[in-house]
């Protein structure tokens, strides 16, 4: 039996041994798995995305795992154990990273990208594309991170004149031993949801990928082409459908769960059809490193996929940890452990984050109310607060609230600002938020709003874009469309949003920045202990579309 056939067959037992039965999706075409002399070739792909600095294991809410009996997930020491134990049996394999390693825990807040780079190098990644959050610290900090990595960085739609980024980011990488090209691509919304400098631009992802495929075909004999993306599951499917020559997409950005497990939003792999009528396999691996993606594919001589097998591997308490890497992670945690474990409040209810991207959520309510309380202490004319749901990153469980929990939920270091807005402009701003399209520049709004208790918004998600807002009251008084009174409102928001982030507002500058978001929430928790709140319908749909929610892309 050829070695490649042995590799192909070895995929079957190892996935089943590491994943619970409900997580496994067996290929409907396993009986076609074979290697012959016609150029059929088997490659195994490990992939991970949106780890967001979760170097260590975490609870189901994404915060530090302080009670293993309730379940601990992920952590790069578990990833390393699985890859190290299984990859020797799959020598024709690649381990790829779909981006968003930055931002999300104190490992990033305290160390920046230093310990993330050190960890990724130890895991033996073969390549990585960049997520939007890699740009949160600007081009210089990203450049310092990239210079410490020991594997290729690829993104075909990033153009940068920053010297380090220009040197290190390439559109694709050819793995010559497999006659395989992997193309990278990063969400083109990055300038609106992160902080790249004006030296770095992002072009249309589909065009960039197709142009790169055409270049590879014109200049090499490579026929096996895959994409490593950070554009989101829906955009991955669109990329598959609107290109030719691409047969495997490994993606991230949308934190989408796929597979056979409860709550999955699609199968693993999801199969789309490209412009030539050929199958394209789309896979992704949820978020934070709770799952490690694995797919084993057999290519024919033309670079099309004949057969596949795979499933996301769930990393739980039952998954062993690599002891050496875990010891390092524990040592890195020590300098901030006492600081992070300080109890700053108590909540009688779980402060949920999971709904923040599509509807009103408790943690969004709490943060917005805290911002109003902070500003009203010195300015009684404050009207309400407005933040982005995409900036709320982790649920705070019922019980003690720690400083680390607050920083994990709000990790971005955004600061508070006041904006003065006319009544007529405010209506248009709110219309843009519920329509998903900014009414001033006609560009997409990329996050769901969260507001303080002073404002109530009713909208009809079935209405036409630009005509969904039905009713707004602020401090009990109605806001009307086309108000010509000249009335102005003072809105508390974040510097990120005021500067054009998520396209909530037309970008502005010159505003005064105040305290950091997490500092404001910490003070509110001290003064309002315990927390005992419930949803109160601040943003709701009209009766003609009762209980329907608007779903749109969120900045992750």
Protein backbone atom coordinates (compact mmCIF):
# COMPACT_ATOMS: atom_id res chain seq x y z
CA UNK A 1 0.00 0.00 0.00
CA UNK A 2 1.40 3.47 -0.87
CA UNK A 3 2.32 5.84 1.93
CA UNK A 4 -0.25 8.38 0.73
CA UNK A 5 -3.03 5.82 0.92
CA UNK A 6 -1.95 4.97 4.44
CA UNK A 7 -2.08 8.67 5.31
CA UNK A 8 -5.57 8.92 3.86
CA UNK A 9 -6.84 5.96 5.84
CA UNK A 10 -5.17 7.10 9.05
CA UNK A 11 -7.47 10.13 9.14
CA UNK A 12 -10.44 7.98 10.06
CA UNK A 13 -9.56 6.62 13.50
CA UNK A 14 -7.75 9.63 14.88
CA UNK A 15 -10.56 12.13 14.41
CA UNK A 16 -13.07 9.77 15.93
CA UNK A 17 -10.87 9.21 18.94
CA UNK A 18 -10.59 12.91 19.72
CA UNK A 19 -14.10 14.12 19.00
CA UNK A 20 -17.37 13.10 20.57
CA UNK A 21 -19.74 11.24 18.27
CA UNK A 22 -22.12 14.16 17.81
CA UNK A 23 -19.26 16.35 16.58
CA UNK A 24 -18.20 14.10 13.72
CA UNK A 25 -19.39 14.58 10.17
CA UNK A 26 -18.37 11.66 7.99
CA UNK A 27 -17.95 12.27 4.29
CA UNK A 28 -20.73 10.91 2.14
CA UNK A 29 -17.96 9.99 -0.30
CA UNK A 30 -15.52 8.12 1.87
CA UNK A 31 -15.88 5.07 -0.34
CA UNK A 32 -14.16 7.07 -3.08
CA UNK A 33 -10.99 7.60 -1.08
CA UNK A 34 -8.01 6.20 -2.98
CA UNK A 35 -4.60 7.13 -4.32
CA UNK A 36 -3.47 5.99 -7.75
CA UNK A 37 -0.97 6.85 -10.44
CA UNK A 38 -3.15 9.54 -12.00
CA UNK A 39 -2.00 12.29 -9.66
CA UNK A 40 -4.53 11.94 -6.87
CA UNK A 41 -3.01 13.36 -3.71
CA UNK A 42 -4.04 13.45 -0.06
CA UNK A 43 -3.36 16.47 2.20
CA UNK A 44 -4.52 17.01 5.78
CA UNK A 45 -5.30 20.53 7.01
CA UNK A 46 -5.43 21.68 10.61
CA UNK A 47 -6.88 25.17 10.99
CA UNK A 48 -7.82 27.59 13.76
CA UNK A 49 -9.28 31.09 13.87
CA UNK A 50 -10.28 33.94 16.17
CA UNK A 51 -8.35 32.78 19.22
CA UNK A 52 -8.32 36.37 20.52
CA UNK A 53 -5.42 35.95 22.95
CA UNK A 54 -6.98 32.95 24.72
CA UNK A 55 -3.58 31.40 25.30
CA UNK A 56 -4.95 29.64 28.37
CA UNK A 57 -8.10 27.58 28.91
CA UNK A 58 -11.34 29.48 29.48
CA UNK A 59 -14.90 29.06 30.71
CA UNK A 60 -17.88 28.79 28.37
CA UNK A 61 -18.28 32.58 28.57
CA UNK A 62 -14.70 33.17 27.41
CA UNK A 63 -13.44 34.40 30.78
CA UNK A 64 -10.74 32.72 32.88
CA UNK A 65 -11.59 29.16 33.86
CA UNK A 66 -11.84 29.35 37.66
CA UNK A 67 -14.19 26.37 38.13
CA UNK A 68 -13.13 23.33 36.07
CA UNK A 69 -16.20 21.42 37.23
CA UNK A 70 -18.29 23.74 35.05
CA UNK A 71 -16.10 23.06 32.03
CA UNK A 72 -12.82 24.43 30.70
CA UNK A 73 -12.16 24.75 26.99
CA UNK A 74 -9.38 25.49 24.57
CA UNK A 75 -6.00 26.88 25.43
CA UNK A 76 -3.00 26.55 23.16
CA UNK A 77 -1.46 23.82 25.32
CA UNK A 78 -4.42 21.59 24.34
CA UNK A 79 -4.06 22.57 20.69
CA UNK A 80 -0.37 21.74 20.82
CA UNK A 81 -1.00 18.36 22.43
CA UNK A 82 -3.51 17.32 19.76
CA UNK A 83 -1.36 18.52 16.86
CA UNK A 84 1.84 17.02 18.26
CA UNK A 85 0.17 13.67 18.94
CA UNK A 86 -1.54 13.31 15.57
CA UNK A 87 0.51 15.17 13.01
CA UNK A 88 3.37 12.64 12.83
CA UNK A 89 0.85 10.17 11.41
CA UNK A 90 -0.11 12.76 8.77
CA UNK A 91 3.19 14.02 7.33
CA UNK A 92 1.42 15.50 4.29
CA UNK A 93 -0.29 18.15 6.37
CA UNK A 94 -0.44 21.88 7.02
CA UNK A 95 -1.37 23.80 10.17
CA UNK A 96 -2.87 27.17 9.26
CA UNK A 97 -4.13 30.20 11.18
CA UNK A 98 -7.03 32.34 9.95
CA UNK A 99 -6.25 35.42 12.03
CA UNK A 100 -7.51 37.49 14.96
CA UNK A 101 -4.91 36.31 17.43
CA UNK A 102 -4.92 39.78 19.02
CA UNK A 103 -7.29 41.27 21.56
CA UNK A 104 -9.53 39.53 24.03
CA UNK A 105 -7.67 38.64 27.25
CA UNK A 106 -5.06 40.10 29.57
CA UNK A 107 -2.37 38.11 27.76
CA UNK A 108 -2.73 40.71 25.00
CA UNK A 109 -3.56 43.69 27.21
CA UNK A 110 -0.43 43.09 29.30
CA UNK A 111 2.08 41.72 26.78
CA UNK A 112 0.82 42.97 23.44
CA UNK A 113 1.74 40.52 20.71
CA UNK A 114 4.95 39.25 22.35
CA UNK A 115 3.68 36.07 24.04
CA UNK A 116 1.24 35.35 21.22
CA UNK A 117 4.13 35.29 18.74
CA UNK A 118 6.18 33.09 21.05
CA UNK A 119 3.28 30.65 21.36
CA UNK A 120 2.45 30.51 17.65
CA UNK A 121 6.06 29.77 16.78
CA UNK A 122 6.11 26.84 19.21
CA UNK A 123 2.97 25.33 17.69
CA UNK A 124 4.56 24.93 14.28
CA UNK A 125 2.12 26.90 12.14
CA UNK A 126 2.80 26.76 8.41
CA UNK A 127 1.05 30.01 7.55
CA UNK A 128 -1.34 32.70 8.75
CA UNK A 129 -3.59 35.36 7.31
CA UNK A 130 -4.30 38.55 9.22
CA UNK A 131 -7.53 39.39 10.99
CA UNK A 132 -8.87 42.88 11.50
CA UNK A 133 -7.86 42.84 15.18
CA UNK A 134 -4.21 42.40 14.27
CA UNK A 135 -4.42 46.10 13.30
CA UNK A 136 -5.92 47.31 16.60
CA UNK A 137 -2.56 48.63 17.80
CA UNK A 138 -1.69 50.18 14.44
CA UNK A 139 0.83 49.24 11.78
CA UNK A 140 3.93 49.63 13.95
CA UNK A 141 2.78 47.20 16.65
CA UNK A 142 1.63 44.73 14.03
CA UNK A 143 4.98 45.04 12.30
CA UNK A 144 6.84 44.23 15.51
CA UNK A 145 4.65 41.13 15.93
CA UNK A 146 5.19 39.96 12.35
CA UNK A 147 8.97 40.31 12.61
CA UNK A 148 8.91 37.78 15.46
CA UNK A 149 7.02 35.10 13.53
CA UNK A 150 8.76 32.18 11.84
CA UNK A 151 6.14 31.30 9.20
CA UNK A 152 4.59 33.01 6.14
CA UNK A 153 1.98 35.77 6.51
CA UNK A 154 -0.40 36.00 3.56
CA UNK A 155 -3.16 38.40 2.52
CA UNK A 156 -3.79 39.19 -1.12
CA UNK A 157 -5.97 42.26 -0.58
CA UNK A 158 -3.65 44.17 1.77
CA UNK A 159 -1.41 46.78 0.18
CA UNK A 160 0.95 48.61 2.52
CA UNK A 161 3.82 51.03 2.18
CA UNK A 162 4.69 50.50 5.83
CA UNK A 163 8.21 49.04 5.51
CA UNK A 164 7.71 46.00 7.76
CA UNK A 165 4.21 45.16 6.53
CA UNK A 166 5.30 45.59 2.92
CA UNK A 167 8.19 43.20 3.52
CA UNK A 168 6.35 40.51 5.47
CA UNK A 169 2.80 40.30 4.05
CA UNK A 170 2.61 38.36 0.77
CA UNK A 171 -0.52 37.59 -1.30
CA UNK A 172 0.05 33.82 -1.28
CA UNK A 173 2.52 31.10 -0.40
CA UNK A 174 3.42 28.01 -2.42
CA UNK A 175 4.06 24.81 -0.47
CA UNK A 176 6.24 23.20 -3.08
CA UNK A 177 6.31 19.76 -1.45
CA UNK A 178 2.55 19.54 -2.01
CA UNK A 179 2.30 21.52 -5.27
CA UNK A 180 -0.20 23.65 -3.34
CA UNK A 181 -0.75 27.41 -3.24
CA UNK A 182 -2.57 29.05 -0.33
CA UNK A 183 -3.96 32.56 -0.80
CA UNK A 184 -4.70 34.84 2.14
CA UNK A 185 -7.39 37.51 2.41
CA UNK A 186 -8.51 39.91 5.15
CA UNK A 187 -11.87 41.63 5.58
CA UNK A 188 -11.95 44.84 3.59
CA UNK A 189 -13.96 46.43 6.43
CA UNK A 190 -10.80 46.53 8.57
CA UNK A 191 -10.28 50.33 8.32
CA UNK A 192 -13.76 50.85 9.78
CA UNK A 193 -13.44 48.37 12.62
CA UNK A 194 -9.75 48.56 13.54
CA UNK A 195 -6.86 51.03 13.36
CA UNK A 196 -4.57 50.48 10.37
CA UNK A 197 -2.63 53.57 9.34
CA UNK A 198 -3.18 55.43 6.10
CA UNK A 199 -0.15 53.54 4.75
CA UNK A 200 -2.22 50.35 4.59
CA UNK A 201 -5.27 49.75 2.39
CA UNK A 202 -7.63 46.83 1.81
CA UNK A 203 -9.04 46.01 -1.62
CA UNK A 204 -12.07 43.95 -2.66
CA UNK A 205 -11.50 40.45 -1.34
CA UNK A 206 -13.14 38.50 -4.16
CA UNK A 207 -11.30 40.38 -6.89
CA UNK A 208 -8.00 40.07 -5.02
CA UNK A 209 -8.39 36.31 -4.67
CA UNK A 210 -9.41 35.77 -8.29
CA UNK A 211 -6.56 37.95 -9.55
CA UNK A 212 -4.14 35.94 -7.43
CA UNK A 213 -5.54 32.62 -8.69
CA UNK A 214 -5.12 33.86 -12.26
CA UNK A 215 -1.54 34.94 -11.52
CA UNK A 216 -0.65 31.57 -9.98
CA UNK A 217 -2.11 29.71 -12.94
CA UNK A 218 -0.31 31.95 -15.44
CA UNK A 219 3.11 31.76 -13.80
CA UNK A 220 3.28 28.27 -12.26
CA UNK A 221 2.07 24.73 -12.84
CA UNK A 222 0.19 24.75 -9.53
CA UNK A 223 -3.37 23.44 -9.74
CA UNK A 224 -4.14 22.85 -6.07
CA UNK A 225 -5.22 26.21 -4.65
CA UNK A 226 -6.75 26.91 -1.23
CA UNK A 227 -7.69 30.13 0.55
CA UNK A 228 -6.99 31.16 4.12
CA UNK A 229 -9.49 33.89 4.92
CA UNK A 230 -10.64 36.31 7.57
CA UNK A 231 -13.85 37.60 6.00
CA UNK A 232 -16.61 35.57 7.72
CA UNK A 233 -18.61 32.44 6.92
CA UNK A 234 -21.19 34.11 4.66
CA UNK A 235 -18.47 35.95 2.76
CA UNK A 236 -16.51 32.70 2.45
CA UNK A 237 -19.50 31.13 0.71
CA UNK A 238 -19.81 34.15 -1.55
CA UNK A 239 -16.09 33.94 -2.33
CA UNK A 240 -16.55 30.28 -3.26
CA UNK A 241 -19.49 31.04 -5.53
CA UNK A 242 -17.96 34.02 -7.33
CA UNK A 243 -14.52 32.67 -8.23
CA UNK A 244 -12.96 29.90 -10.29
CA UNK A 245 -9.96 27.71 -9.54
CA UNK A 246 -10.48 27.59 -5.78
CA UNK A 247 -11.62 24.37 -4.08
CA UNK A 248 -10.94 24.77 -0.34
CA UNK A 249 -11.56 27.77 1.92
CA UNK A 250 -10.50 27.82 5.58
CA UNK A 251 -11.97 30.87 7.24
CA UNK A 252 -12.52 33.02 10.30
CA UNK A 253 -13.94 36.38 11.49
CA UNK A 254 -17.61 35.53 12.09
CA UNK A 255 -17.07 33.05 14.97
CA UNK A 256 -19.35 30.57 13.22
CA UNK A 257 -19.88 27.08 14.63
CA UNK A 258 -20.14 24.44 11.91
CA UNK A 259 -20.38 20.66 12.17
CA UNK A 260 -22.87 18.16 13.57
CA UNK A 261 -22.93 19.50 17.13
CA UNK A 262 -25.89 21.30 18.72
CA UNK A 263 -26.12 24.93 17.69
CA UNK A 264 -24.11 24.54 14.49
CA UNK A 265 -24.99 27.01 11.74
CA UNK A 266 -23.93 24.74 8.89
CA UNK A 267 -22.18 21.49 8.01
CA UNK A 268 -18.44 20.85 8.14
CA UNK A 269 -17.50 21.20 5.39
CA UNK A 270 -20.08 23.48 3.83
CA UNK A 271 -20.07 22.79 0.10
CA UNK A 272 -20.64 25.63 -2.37
CA UNK A 273 -20.49 25.68 -6.18
CA UNK A 274 -18.10 27.98 -8.03
CA UNK A 275 -18.55 29.77 -11.34
CA UNK A 276 -17.40 26.66 -13.22
CA UNK A 277 -19.97 24.48 -11.47
CA UNK A 278 -17.30 22.79 -9.33
CA UNK A 279 -17.51 22.09 -5.61
CA UNK A 280 -15.74 24.35 -3.13
CA UNK A 281 -15.33 23.19 0.47
CA UNK A 282 -15.73 25.85 3.18
CA UNK A 283 -14.62 25.20 6.78
CA UNK A 284 -14.19 27.30 9.91
CA UNK A 285 -13.56 26.54 13.60
CA UNK A 286 -15.77 28.72 15.81
CA UNK A 287 -13.87 31.01 18.21
CA UNK A 288 -11.24 31.34 20.96
CA UNK A 289 -9.64 27.96 20.19
CA UNK A 290 -12.48 25.92 21.64
CA UNK A 291 -12.32 23.85 18.45
CA UNK A 292 -9.40 22.86 16.24
CA UNK A 293 -10.48 22.43 12.64
CA UNK A 294 -9.35 19.30 10.79
CA UNK A 295 -10.14 18.27 7.23
CA UNK A 296 -8.43 15.61 5.15
CA UNK A 297 -8.89 15.97 1.38
CA UNK A 298 -7.93 14.02 -1.72
CA UNK A 299 -7.11 16.14 -4.77
CA UNK A 300 -7.29 14.87 -8.32
CA UNK A 301 -4.69 15.78 -10.92
CA UNK A 302 -6.61 18.97 -11.83
CA UNK A 303 -6.69 20.26 -8.26
CA UNK A 304 -10.32 19.36 -7.58
CA UNK A 305 -11.33 17.57 -4.40
CA UNK A 306 -12.37 13.96 -4.95
CA UNK A 307 -13.02 12.97 -1.34
CA UNK A 308 -12.84 14.38 2.16
CA UNK A 309 -13.11 13.51 5.80
CA UNK A 310 -13.01 15.69 8.86
CA UNK A 311 -14.61 17.35 11.84
CA UNK A 312 -13.86 20.15 14.27
CA UNK A 313 -12.01 18.70 17.27
CA UNK A 314 -13.57 19.88 20.55
CA UNK A 315 -10.93 20.81 23.13
CA UNK A 316 -12.39 20.20 26.60
CA UNK A 317 -11.35 19.12 30.10
CA UNK A 318 -10.84 15.65 28.67
CA UNK A 319 -8.20 16.89 26.21
CA UNK A 320 -4.67 16.68 27.55
CA UNK A 321 -2.47 19.77 27.76
CA UNK A 322 1.12 20.04 26.60
CA UNK A 323 2.88 20.38 29.97
CA UNK A 324 5.79 22.55 28.81
CA UNK A 325 3.63 25.11 27.03
CA UNK A 326 1.11 25.15 29.88
CA UNK A 327 3.93 25.86 32.34
CA UNK A 328 4.96 28.83 30.22
CA UNK A 329 1.39 30.13 30.06
CA UNK A 330 1.09 29.82 33.83
CA UNK A 331 4.31 31.78 34.27
CA UNK A 332 3.14 34.50 31.89
CA UNK A 333 -0.11 34.80 33.82
CA UNK A 334 1.62 35.35 37.17
CA UNK A 335 2.46 39.07 36.78
CA UNK A 336 -1.17 40.08 36.23
CA UNK A 337 -2.96 37.31 38.15
CA UNK A 338 -3.44 39.24 41.41
CA UNK A 339 -4.46 42.40 39.56
CA UNK A 340 -6.98 40.46 37.44
CA UNK A 341 -8.48 38.50 40.32
CA UNK A 342 -9.51 41.57 42.34
CA UNK A 343 -13.26 41.41 43.01
CA UNK A 344 -14.86 44.68 41.90
CA UNK A 345 -18.54 43.84 42.25
CA UNK A 346 -21.22 41.18 42.31
CA UNK A 347 -24.02 40.36 39.90
CA UNK A 348 -27.15 38.39 40.69
CA UNK A 349 -27.68 37.67 36.99
CA UNK A 350 -25.50 36.50 34.13
CA UNK A 351 -24.50 39.55 32.09
CA UNK A 352 -24.86 38.06 28.64
CA UNK A 353 -22.71 39.04 25.68
CA UNK A 354 -23.84 36.47 23.14
CA UNK A 355 -26.91 38.45 22.01
CA UNK A 356 -25.08 41.78 21.69
CA UNK A 357 -24.41 41.41 17.97
CA UNK A 358 -28.07 41.05 17.00
CA UNK A 359 -30.25 42.56 19.76
CA UNK A 360 -30.33 44.37 23.08
CA UNK A 361 -28.15 42.56 25.63
CA UNK A 362 -27.62 42.90 29.37
CA UNK A 363 -23.92 43.66 29.23
CA UNK A 364 -24.51 46.30 26.57
CA UNK A 365 -27.24 47.86 28.72
CA UNK A 366 -24.96 47.89 31.75
CA UNK A 367 -22.04 49.49 29.92
CA UNK A 368 -24.20 52.20 28.34
CA UNK A 369 -25.83 53.02 31.69
CA UNK A 370 -22.41 53.23 33.32
CA UNK A 371 -21.27 55.74 30.69
CA UNK A 372 -24.30 57.98 31.31
CA UNK A 373 -23.79 57.87 35.08
CA UNK A 374 -20.12 58.76 34.61
CA UNK A 375 -20.84 61.80 32.45
CA UNK A 376 -23.94 63.04 34.28
CA UNK A 377 -21.85 63.38 37.42
CA UNK A 378 -20.24 66.42 35.77
CA UNK A 379 -22.65 67.27 32.93
CA UNK A 380 -26.37 66.93 33.72
CA UNK A 381 -27.26 67.73 30.10
CA UNK A 382 -26.17 64.28 28.86
CA UNK A 383 -29.08 62.68 26.97
CA UNK A 384 -28.08 59.03 26.42
CA UNK A 385 -25.22 56.67 25.59
CA UNK A 386 -24.61 54.65 22.43
CA UNK A 387 -22.03 51.88 21.95
CA UNK A 388 -21.41 49.03 19.50
CA UNK A 389 -22.40 45.46 20.34
CA UNK A 390 -19.28 44.19 18.58
CA UNK A 391 -17.16 45.82 21.27
CA UNK A 392 -18.69 43.63 23.99
CA UNK A 393 -16.52 40.54 23.93
CA UNK A 394 -17.36 38.12 26.76
CA UNK A 395 -20.21 37.23 29.11
CA UNK A 396 -19.76 37.96 32.83
CA UNK A 397 -21.22 35.03 34.81
CA UNK A 398 -23.47 35.52 37.84
CA UNK A 399 -21.47 35.94 41.04
CA UNK A 400 -18.33 37.89 41.80
CA UNK A 401 -17.16 40.25 39.07
CA UNK A 402 -13.39 40.54 38.77
CA UNK A 403 -11.24 43.21 37.20
CA UNK A 404 -10.01 40.59 34.75
CA UNK A 405 -13.59 39.75 33.79
CA UNK A 406 -14.28 43.40 33.00
CA UNK A 407 -11.11 43.71 30.93
CA UNK A 408 -11.91 40.52 29.03
CA UNK A 409 -15.41 41.80 28.25
CA UNK A 410 -14.14 45.25 27.19
CA UNK A 411 -10.53 44.72 26.08
CA UNK A 412 -10.06 47.46 23.50
CA UNK A 413 -9.06 50.42 25.66
CA UNK A 414 -11.67 52.68 24.04
CA UNK A 415 -12.24 56.03 25.74
CA UNK A 416 -15.42 57.98 26.44
CA UNK A 417 -16.35 61.01 24.31
CA UNK A 418 -19.34 63.36 24.09
CA UNK A 419 -20.89 64.26 20.74
CA UNK A 420 -23.39 67.06 20.15
CA UNK A 421 -25.87 66.08 17.43
CA UNK A 422 -28.88 67.88 15.98
CA UNK A 423 -32.28 66.19 16.17
CA UNK A 424 -32.50 65.79 12.40
CA UNK A 425 -29.03 64.23 12.17
CA UNK A 426 -29.73 61.97 15.14
CA UNK A 427 -32.79 60.51 13.42
CA UNK A 428 -30.68 59.71 10.37
CA UNK A 429 -27.94 58.17 12.52
CA UNK A 430 -30.43 55.90 14.28
CA UNK A 431 -32.07 55.05 10.96
CA UNK A 432 -28.68 53.96 9.69
CA UNK A 433 -28.14 51.73 12.70
CA UNK A 434 -31.42 49.83 12.32
CA UNK A 435 -31.18 49.75 8.51
CA UNK A 436 -27.58 48.59 8.54
CA UNK A 437 -26.58 51.37 6.13
CA UNK A 438 -25.20 54.75 7.20
CA UNK A 439 -27.62 57.34 5.80
CA UNK A 440 -24.90 59.92 5.24
CA UNK A 441 -22.35 57.89 3.29
CA UNK A 442 -24.48 54.88 2.22
CA UNK A 443 -21.88 52.43 3.50
CA UNK A 444 -22.61 49.38 5.65
CA UNK A 445 -22.92 49.70 9.42
CA UNK A 446 -20.93 46.80 10.81
CA UNK A 447 -22.22 46.34 14.35
CA UNK A 448 -25.51 46.32 16.27
CA UNK A 449 -26.13 49.27 18.64
CA UNK A 450 -26.47 49.10 22.41
CA UNK A 451 -28.00 52.06 24.25
CA UNK A 452 -28.65 53.41 27.74
CA UNK A 453 -32.04 53.43 29.46
CA UNK A 454 -32.76 57.06 28.50
CA UNK A 455 -33.61 56.14 24.90
CA UNK A 456 -36.16 53.75 23.39
CA UNK A 457 -36.06 52.75 19.73
CA UNK A 458 -38.73 50.90 17.73
CA UNK A 459 -38.00 49.74 14.20
CA UNK A 460 -39.43 47.47 11.52
CA UNK A 461 -36.76 45.12 10.14
CA UNK A 462 -39.02 44.30 7.18
CA UNK A 463 -39.08 47.93 6.03
CA UNK A 464 -36.97 49.23 3.19
CA UNK A 465 -33.44 50.38 3.96
CA UNK A 466 -33.63 53.99 5.08
CA UNK A 467 -37.23 53.63 6.24
CA UNK A 468 -37.14 51.18 9.14
CA UNK A 469 -37.11 53.52 12.13
CA UNK A 470 -40.64 53.84 13.54
CA UNK A 471 -40.44 55.56 16.91
CA UNK A 472 -37.78 57.10 19.14
CA UNK A 473 -38.21 58.59 22.60
CA UNK A 474 -35.39 60.21 24.56
CA UNK A 475 -36.00 60.92 28.22
CA UNK A 476 -39.70 60.46 27.54
CA UNK A 477 -39.81 62.99 24.70
CA UNK A 478 -40.30 61.98 21.06
CA UNK A 479 -37.62 62.41 18.43
CA UNK A 480 -39.20 63.12 15.06
CA UNK A 481 -38.02 62.68 11.51
CA UNK A 482 -37.09 65.88 9.66
CA UNK A 483 -37.05 67.88 12.91
CA UNK A 484 -36.30 71.51 12.02
CA UNK A 485 -36.35 72.91 15.55
CA UNK A 486 -32.59 73.00 15.83
CA UNK A 487 -32.71 70.98 19.04
CA UNK A 488 -29.43 69.28 19.89
CA UNK A 489 -28.66 66.16 21.90
CA UNK A 490 -25.51 65.29 23.81
CA UNK A 491 -24.64 61.65 23.21
CA UNK A 492 -22.01 59.73 25.16
CA UNK A 493 -20.13 57.27 22.97
CA UNK A 494 -16.65 55.86 22.33
CA UNK A 495 -13.69 57.43 20.55
CA UNK A 496 -13.61 54.43 18.21
CA UNK A 497 -17.18 55.10 17.06
CA UNK A 498 -16.80 58.87 16.90
CA UNK A 499 -13.80 58.38 14.64
CA UNK A 500 -15.89 56.41 12.15
CA UNK A 501 -15.56 52.91 13.59
CA UNK A 502 -18.33 50.48 12.54
CA UNK A 503 -19.69 53.38 10.45
CA UNK A 504 -22.13 54.50 13.18
CA UNK A 505 -21.27 58.16 12.58
CA UNK A 506 -19.57 60.14 9.86
CA UNK A 507 -15.96 60.12 11.01
CA UNK A 508 -14.95 63.16 13.03
CA UNK A 509 -11.88 64.32 14.91
CA UNK A 510 -10.98 66.94 17.46
CA UNK A 511 -13.26 65.50 20.15
CA UNK A 512 -11.97 65.37 23.72
CA UNK A 513 -11.28 61.86 25.00
CA UNK A 514 -12.12 61.14 28.62
CA UNK A 515 -11.60 58.04 30.80
CA UNK A 516 -11.24 54.54 29.41
CA UNK A 517 -14.35 52.40 29.03
CA UNK A 518 -13.22 49.74 31.51
CA UNK A 519 -12.36 52.37 34.16
CA UNK A 520 -15.86 53.81 33.86
CA UNK A 521 -17.50 50.40 34.27
CA UNK A 522 -15.32 49.52 37.26
CA UNK A 523 -16.39 52.70 39.04
CA UNK A 524 -20.05 52.02 38.23
CA UNK A 525 -19.80 48.51 39.65
CA UNK A 526 -18.36 49.83 42.91
CA UNK A 527 -21.22 52.31 43.25
CA UNK A 528 -24.03 49.97 42.14
CA UNK A 529 -23.40 46.72 43.97
CA UNK A 530 -24.91 44.19 43.50
CA UNK A 531 -26.03 44.30 39.88
CA UNK A 532 -29.56 42.99 39.36
CA UNK A 533 -30.93 44.03 35.98
CA UNK A 534 -33.11 42.67 33.20
CA UNK A 535 -33.75 43.55 29.59
CA UNK A 536 -36.21 46.44 29.32
CA UNK A 537 -36.88 46.77 25.60
CA UNK A 538 -34.61 49.68 24.74
CA UNK A 539 -34.37 48.54 21.12
CA UNK A 540 -37.30 46.51 19.87
CA UNK A 541 -39.11 45.65 16.67
CA UNK A 542 -42.57 46.94 15.78
CA UNK A 543 -45.68 44.77 16.03
CA UNK A 544 -45.66 44.11 12.29
CA UNK A 545 -42.50 42.11 12.72
CA UNK A 546 -42.75 40.95 16.30
CA UNK A 547 -39.67 39.35 17.76
CA UNK A 548 -37.75 39.32 14.50
CA UNK A 549 -34.14 40.35 14.82
CA UNK A 550 -31.88 42.09 12.37
CA UNK A 551 -28.77 40.05 11.68
CA UNK A 552 -25.82 41.76 10.15
CA UNK A 553 -22.03 41.42 10.10
CA UNK A 554 -20.37 42.41 13.37
CA UNK A 555 -16.73 43.61 13.98
CA UNK A 556 -14.95 40.61 15.69
